[in-house]
Amino acid sequence: MAAVSFAQNIVGLKDLKPEKEFDNIFIKKVSDDDYQSTFVIWVKQKVRLHKHEHHSENIYVLEGKGEMVIGDEKFVIKKGDYFNIPKNTPHGLKVLSSSPVKVLSIQSPQFLGQDRIFLED
């Protein structure tokens, strides 16, 4: 007889808040394994244009409003929006709301913080 086990990591995203004051960006890791890293990210002003050579990123907007750039496209994002950023695609964000933009970011494969290449704005 084989035993099967797994761990559940249940996070209440609606009530999740940054643990400290921050100037522009606060990142909280909520899940991580060899195949993905999941973060909640708060942005007060902007995210500089950058890309990930080896990661794709899925974004779900939890709060706020901003102007998103992905490749050659520019569009407004708001609560409830979902989009995908393919690997090696330039992307950045300018916050348009008075409160921070809060997103759920799922990067795959696992993101170890070494695959963020900043580009000229």
N, C-alpha and C. Protein backbone atom coordinates (compact mmCIF):
# COMPACT_ATOMS: atom_id res chain seq x y z
N MET A 1 0.85 -1.17 0.00
CA MET A 1 0.00 0.00 0.00
C MET A 1 0.90 1.24 0.00
N ALA A 2 0.65 2.17 -0.92
CA ALA A 2 1.44 3.40 -1.01
C ALA A 2 0.74 4.51 -0.26
N ALA A 3 1.52 5.26 0.42
CA ALA A 3 0.98 6.41 1.15
C ALA A 3 1.16 7.66 0.29
N VAL A 4 0.14 8.49 0.23
CA VAL A 4 0.19 9.74 -0.52
C VAL A 4 -0.04 10.88 0.47
N SER A 5 0.82 11.85 0.38
CA SER A 5 0.62 13.01 1.25
C SER A 5 0.96 14.27 0.48
N PHE A 6 0.38 15.37 0.89
CA PHE A 6 0.70 16.68 0.32
C PHE A 6 0.39 17.73 1.36
N ALA A 7 0.96 18.88 1.16
CA ALA A 7 0.73 20.00 2.07
C ALA A 7 -0.11 21.05 1.35
N GLN A 8 -1.01 21.63 2.08
CA GLN A 8 -1.80 22.73 1.54
C GLN A 8 -1.31 24.03 2.14
N ASN A 9 -1.21 25.02 1.30
CA ASN A 9 -0.82 26.34 1.75
C ASN A 9 -1.96 27.28 1.38
N ILE A 10 -2.87 27.51 2.32
CA ILE A 10 -4.02 28.34 2.06
C ILE A 10 -3.73 29.75 2.56
N VAL A 11 -3.80 30.71 1.63
CA VAL A 11 -3.48 32.10 1.93
C VAL A 11 -4.70 32.95 1.59
N GLY A 12 -5.15 33.75 2.53
CA GLY A 12 -6.24 34.69 2.28
C GLY A 12 -5.69 35.93 1.59
N LEU A 13 -5.73 35.98 0.27
CA LEU A 13 -5.11 37.07 -0.48
C LEU A 13 -5.78 38.42 -0.25
N LYS A 14 -7.08 38.41 -0.02
CA LYS A 14 -7.81 39.67 0.15
C LYS A 14 -7.30 40.44 1.37
N ASP A 15 -7.01 39.75 2.45
CA ASP A 15 -6.60 40.41 3.68
C ASP A 15 -5.09 40.48 3.86
N LEU A 16 -4.33 39.95 2.92
CA LEU A 16 -2.87 39.96 3.02
C LEU A 16 -2.34 41.38 2.86
N LYS A 17 -1.51 41.82 3.82
CA LYS A 17 -0.95 43.18 3.82
C LYS A 17 0.57 43.10 3.93
N PRO A 18 1.28 44.12 3.45
CA PRO A 18 2.73 44.16 3.66
C PRO A 18 3.05 44.17 5.15
N GLU A 19 4.15 43.51 5.53
CA GLU A 19 4.52 43.43 6.94
C GLU A 19 5.23 44.66 7.45
N LYS A 20 5.64 45.56 6.54
CA LYS A 20 6.35 46.77 6.94
C LYS A 20 6.10 47.88 5.92
N GLU A 21 6.46 49.09 6.30
CA GLU A 21 6.36 50.22 5.37
C GLU A 21 7.34 50.01 4.22
N PHE A 22 6.99 50.52 3.05
CA PHE A 22 7.88 50.39 1.89
C PHE A 22 7.74 51.62 1.01
N ASP A 23 8.82 51.93 0.27
CA ASP A 23 8.82 53.13 -0.58
C ASP A 23 8.06 52.93 -1.88
N ASN A 24 8.34 51.84 -2.60
CA ASN A 24 7.74 51.64 -3.91
C ASN A 24 7.20 50.23 -4.11
N ILE A 25 8.03 49.21 -3.85
CA ILE A 25 7.64 47.83 -4.14
C ILE A 25 7.85 46.96 -2.90
N PHE A 26 6.84 46.14 -2.59
CA PHE A 26 6.96 45.16 -1.51
C PHE A 26 6.55 43.81 -2.09
N ILE A 27 7.37 42.79 -1.84
CA ILE A 27 7.13 41.45 -2.40
C ILE A 27 7.04 40.44 -1.27
N LYS A 28 6.00 39.62 -1.28
CA LYS A 28 5.84 38.55 -0.30
C LYS A 28 5.68 37.23 -1.04
N LYS A 29 6.61 36.30 -0.77
CA LYS A 29 6.51 34.97 -1.37
C LYS A 29 5.45 34.18 -0.62
N VAL A 30 4.52 33.57 -1.36
CA VAL A 30 3.46 32.78 -0.72
C VAL A 30 3.56 31.29 -1.04
N SER A 31 4.35 30.94 -2.08
CA SER A 31 4.50 29.53 -2.45
C SER A 31 5.73 29.39 -3.33
N ASP A 32 6.37 28.19 -3.24
CA ASP A 32 7.61 28.00 -3.99
C ASP A 32 7.93 26.52 -4.10
N ASP A 33 8.29 26.07 -5.31
CA ASP A 33 8.84 24.74 -5.50
C ASP A 33 9.68 24.77 -6.78
N ASP A 34 10.16 23.64 -7.24
CA ASP A 34 11.03 23.61 -8.42
C ASP A 34 10.35 24.12 -9.69
N TYR A 35 9.03 24.09 -9.73
CA TYR A 35 8.30 24.41 -10.95
C TYR A 35 7.70 25.81 -10.99
N GLN A 36 7.57 26.46 -9.83
CA GLN A 36 6.93 27.78 -9.79
C GLN A 36 7.31 28.52 -8.52
N SER A 37 7.17 29.84 -8.57
CA SER A 37 7.25 30.70 -7.39
C SER A 37 6.05 31.65 -7.46
N THR A 38 5.32 31.77 -6.36
CA THR A 38 4.15 32.62 -6.32
C THR A 38 4.38 33.74 -5.31
N PHE A 39 4.09 34.96 -5.74
CA PHE A 39 4.30 36.14 -4.91
C PHE A 39 3.05 37.01 -4.91
N VAL A 40 2.85 37.74 -3.82
CA VAL A 40 1.95 38.89 -3.84
C VAL A 40 2.86 40.09 -3.86
N ILE A 41 2.60 41.01 -4.79
CA ILE A 41 3.45 42.18 -4.98
C ILE A 41 2.60 43.43 -4.89
N TRP A 42 3.06 44.41 -4.09
CA TRP A 42 2.43 45.72 -3.99
C TRP A 42 3.36 46.73 -4.65
N VAL A 43 2.79 47.61 -5.47
CA VAL A 43 3.57 48.64 -6.16
C VAL A 43 2.89 49.98 -5.94
N LYS A 44 3.64 50.95 -5.40
CA LYS A 44 3.09 52.29 -5.15
C LYS A 44 3.26 53.23 -6.34
N GLN A 45 4.39 53.12 -7.06
CA GLN A 45 4.69 54.06 -8.14
C GLN A 45 4.88 53.36 -9.49
N LYS A 46 5.93 52.53 -9.58
CA LYS A 46 6.19 51.88 -10.86
C LYS A 46 7.11 50.68 -10.70
N VAL A 47 7.11 49.84 -11.73
CA VAL A 47 8.07 48.75 -11.89
C VAL A 47 8.84 49.08 -13.15
N ARG A 48 10.15 49.23 -13.01
CA ARG A 48 10.99 49.54 -14.17
C ARG A 48 10.88 48.45 -15.23
N LEU A 49 11.03 48.86 -16.48
CA LEU A 49 10.98 47.93 -17.59
C LEU A 49 12.08 46.87 -17.42
N HIS A 50 11.70 45.60 -17.51
CA HIS A 50 12.63 44.50 -17.34
C HIS A 50 12.10 43.27 -18.06
N LYS A 51 12.91 42.21 -18.08
CA LYS A 51 12.48 40.94 -18.66
C LYS A 51 13.10 39.80 -17.87
N HIS A 52 12.56 38.60 -18.10
CA HIS A 52 13.07 37.37 -17.50
C HIS A 52 13.41 36.43 -18.66
N GLU A 53 14.68 36.08 -18.81
CA GLU A 53 15.09 35.24 -19.94
C GLU A 53 14.57 33.81 -19.82
N HIS A 54 14.35 33.35 -18.60
CA HIS A 54 14.02 31.94 -18.40
C HIS A 54 12.70 31.70 -17.69
N HIS A 55 11.89 32.74 -17.51
CA HIS A 55 10.65 32.60 -16.75
C HIS A 55 9.48 33.21 -17.50
N SER A 56 8.34 32.55 -17.43
CA SER A 56 7.09 33.19 -17.82
C SER A 56 6.42 33.65 -16.53
N GLU A 57 5.53 34.62 -16.65
CA GLU A 57 4.88 35.18 -15.47
C GLU A 57 3.39 35.33 -15.73
N ASN A 58 2.59 34.85 -14.80
CA ASN A 58 1.13 35.01 -14.86
C ASN A 58 0.74 35.99 -13.77
N ILE A 59 -0.04 37.01 -14.14
CA ILE A 59 -0.41 38.07 -13.21
C ILE A 59 -1.93 38.14 -13.08
N TYR A 60 -2.40 38.20 -11.83
CA TYR A 60 -3.81 38.46 -11.54
C TYR A 60 -3.85 39.70 -10.65
N VAL A 61 -4.58 40.73 -11.08
CA VAL A 61 -4.64 42.00 -10.35
C VAL A 61 -5.66 41.90 -9.23
N LEU A 62 -5.21 42.10 -7.99
CA LEU A 62 -6.07 42.00 -6.81
C LEU A 62 -6.64 43.36 -6.40
N GLU A 63 -5.85 44.43 -6.59
CA GLU A 63 -6.28 45.79 -6.21
C GLU A 63 -5.55 46.80 -7.07
N GLY A 64 -6.15 48.00 -7.19
CA GLY A 64 -5.48 49.11 -7.85
C GLY A 64 -5.67 49.16 -9.35
N LYS A 65 -5.01 50.16 -9.95
CA LYS A 65 -5.12 50.40 -11.39
C LYS A 65 -3.75 50.90 -11.88
N GLY A 66 -3.34 50.43 -13.06
CA GLY A 66 -2.06 50.85 -13.58
C GLY A 66 -1.99 50.74 -15.09
N GLU A 67 -0.93 51.34 -15.63
CA GLU A 67 -0.65 51.23 -17.06
C GLU A 67 0.47 50.22 -17.22
N MET A 68 0.17 49.13 -17.90
CA MET A 68 1.10 48.02 -18.09
C MET A 68 1.69 48.08 -19.48
N VAL A 69 2.98 47.82 -19.57
CA VAL A 69 3.66 47.67 -20.85
C VAL A 69 4.15 46.23 -20.94
N ILE A 70 3.77 45.55 -22.02
CA ILE A 70 4.27 44.20 -22.29
C ILE A 70 4.68 44.19 -23.76
N GLY A 71 5.98 44.05 -23.99
CA GLY A 71 6.48 44.13 -25.36
C GLY A 71 6.17 45.48 -25.95
N ASP A 72 5.50 45.50 -27.10
CA ASP A 72 5.14 46.76 -27.77
C ASP A 72 3.75 47.25 -27.39
N GLU A 73 3.05 46.52 -26.51
CA GLU A 73 1.68 46.88 -26.14
C GLU A 73 1.64 47.64 -24.82
N LYS A 74 0.71 48.58 -24.72
CA LYS A 74 0.49 49.36 -23.50
C LYS A 74 -1.02 49.33 -23.23
N PHE A 75 -1.42 48.98 -21.99
CA PHE A 75 -2.84 48.90 -21.68
C PHE A 75 -3.04 49.13 -20.18
N VAL A 76 -4.27 49.45 -19.81
CA VAL A 76 -4.63 49.70 -18.41
C VAL A 76 -5.05 48.39 -17.77
N ILE A 77 -4.55 48.16 -16.55
CA ILE A 77 -4.95 46.98 -15.78
C ILE A 77 -5.70 47.44 -14.54
N LYS A 78 -6.61 46.59 -14.06
CA LYS A 78 -7.39 46.91 -12.86
C LYS A 78 -7.78 45.61 -12.17
N LYS A 79 -8.36 45.75 -10.98
CA LYS A 79 -8.79 44.60 -10.19
C LYS A 79 -9.59 43.61 -11.04
N GLY A 80 -9.21 42.34 -10.94
CA GLY A 80 -9.91 41.29 -11.67
C GLY A 80 -9.26 40.92 -13.00
N ASP A 81 -8.29 41.71 -13.47
CA ASP A 81 -7.64 41.40 -14.74
C ASP A 81 -6.59 40.32 -14.56
N TYR A 82 -6.43 39.51 -15.61
CA TYR A 82 -5.40 38.47 -15.66
C TYR A 82 -4.65 38.61 -16.98
N PHE A 83 -3.35 38.41 -16.95
CA PHE A 83 -2.57 38.38 -18.19
C PHE A 83 -1.31 37.56 -17.98
N ASN A 84 -0.73 37.14 -19.10
CA ASN A 84 0.49 36.32 -19.11
C ASN A 84 1.60 37.11 -19.77
N ILE A 85 2.81 37.00 -19.19
CA ILE A 85 4.00 37.62 -19.77
C ILE A 85 4.94 36.49 -20.17
N PRO A 86 5.10 36.23 -21.47
CA PRO A 86 6.00 35.16 -21.89
C PRO A 86 7.45 35.46 -21.52
N LYS A 87 8.25 34.42 -21.35
CA LYS A 87 9.66 34.64 -21.02
C LYS A 87 10.32 35.50 -22.09
N ASN A 88 11.31 36.28 -21.64
CA ASN A 88 12.12 37.14 -22.51
C ASN A 88 11.33 38.30 -23.12
N THR A 89 10.20 38.68 -22.49
CA THR A 89 9.36 39.78 -22.98
C THR A 89 9.50 40.97 -22.04
N PRO A 90 9.91 42.13 -22.56
CA PRO A 90 10.00 43.33 -21.71
C PRO A 90 8.64 43.69 -21.13
N HIS A 91 8.63 44.07 -19.85
CA HIS A 91 7.39 44.50 -19.20
C HIS A 91 7.69 45.46 -18.06
N GLY A 92 6.70 46.32 -17.78
CA GLY A 92 6.83 47.30 -16.71
C GLY A 92 5.45 47.84 -16.36
N LEU A 93 5.39 48.61 -15.28
CA LEU A 93 4.11 49.10 -14.77
C LEU A 93 4.25 50.51 -14.23
N LYS A 94 3.25 51.34 -14.50
CA LYS A 94 3.12 52.67 -13.90
C LYS A 94 1.78 52.68 -13.17
N VAL A 95 1.80 52.95 -11.87
CA VAL A 95 0.57 52.95 -11.06
C VAL A 95 -0.25 54.20 -11.37
N LEU A 96 -1.55 54.03 -11.59
CA LEU A 96 -2.47 55.13 -11.87
C LEU A 96 -3.41 55.41 -10.70
N SER A 97 -3.54 54.49 -9.77
CA SER A 97 -4.47 54.66 -8.64
C SER A 97 -3.77 55.33 -7.46
N SER A 98 -4.58 55.89 -6.56
CA SER A 98 -4.02 56.52 -5.36
C SER A 98 -3.52 55.47 -4.36
N SER A 99 -4.04 54.25 -4.44
CA SER A 99 -3.57 53.16 -3.60
C SER A 99 -2.66 52.25 -4.44
N PRO A 100 -1.81 51.46 -3.79
CA PRO A 100 -0.90 50.59 -4.54
C PRO A 100 -1.64 49.57 -5.41
N VAL A 101 -0.99 49.18 -6.49
CA VAL A 101 -1.44 48.04 -7.27
C VAL A 101 -0.96 46.80 -6.52
N LYS A 102 -1.86 45.85 -6.31
CA LYS A 102 -1.54 44.60 -5.62
C LYS A 102 -1.85 43.47 -6.59
N VAL A 103 -0.83 42.62 -6.86
CA VAL A 103 -1.03 41.53 -7.82
C VAL A 103 -0.58 40.21 -7.22
N LEU A 104 -1.13 39.15 -7.76
CA LEU A 104 -0.65 37.80 -7.54
C LEU A 104 0.20 37.47 -8.76
N SER A 105 1.49 37.16 -8.55
CA SER A 105 2.42 36.86 -9.63
C SER A 105 2.91 35.42 -9.49
N ILE A 106 2.66 34.61 -10.52
CA ILE A 106 3.12 33.23 -10.53
C ILE A 106 4.16 33.09 -11.64
N GLN A 107 5.38 32.79 -11.23
CA GLN A 107 6.47 32.66 -12.19
C GLN A 107 6.88 31.20 -12.30
N SER A 108 7.12 30.77 -13.54
CA SER A 108 7.54 29.40 -13.73
C SER A 108 8.64 29.35 -14.79
N PRO A 109 9.67 28.54 -14.54
CA PRO A 109 9.87 27.69 -13.36
C PRO A 109 10.20 28.52 -12.13
N GLN A 110 10.66 27.88 -11.07
CA GLN A 110 10.99 28.54 -9.81
C GLN A 110 11.86 29.78 -10.05
N PHE A 111 11.51 30.88 -9.39
CA PHE A 111 12.24 32.14 -9.52
C PHE A 111 13.13 32.32 -8.29
N LEU A 112 14.43 32.40 -8.53
CA LEU A 112 15.40 32.54 -7.44
C LEU A 112 15.98 33.95 -7.36
N GLY A 113 15.38 34.89 -8.08
CA GLY A 113 15.81 36.28 -8.00
C GLY A 113 16.98 36.63 -8.90
N GLN A 114 17.42 35.71 -9.74
CA GLN A 114 18.59 35.95 -10.57
C GLN A 114 18.26 36.11 -12.04
N ASP A 115 17.01 36.19 -12.38
CA ASP A 115 16.61 36.26 -13.78
C ASP A 115 15.77 37.51 -14.04
N ARG A 116 16.23 38.64 -13.53
CA ARG A 116 15.55 39.91 -13.76
C ARG A 116 16.56 40.84 -14.42
N ILE A 117 16.31 41.15 -15.70
CA ILE A 117 17.23 42.00 -16.45
C ILE A 117 16.54 43.33 -16.72
N PHE A 118 17.05 44.40 -16.10
CA PHE A 118 16.45 45.72 -16.28
C PHE A 118 16.85 46.31 -17.62
N LEU A 119 15.91 47.00 -18.24
CA LEU A 119 16.09 47.61 -19.54
C LEU A 119 15.91 49.12 -19.39
N GLU A 120 16.23 49.86 -20.42
CA GLU A 120 16.03 51.31 -20.40
C GLU A 120 14.55 51.62 -20.46
N ASP A 121 14.09 52.58 -19.65
CA ASP A 121 12.68 52.98 -19.68
C ASP A 121 12.40 53.86 -20.88
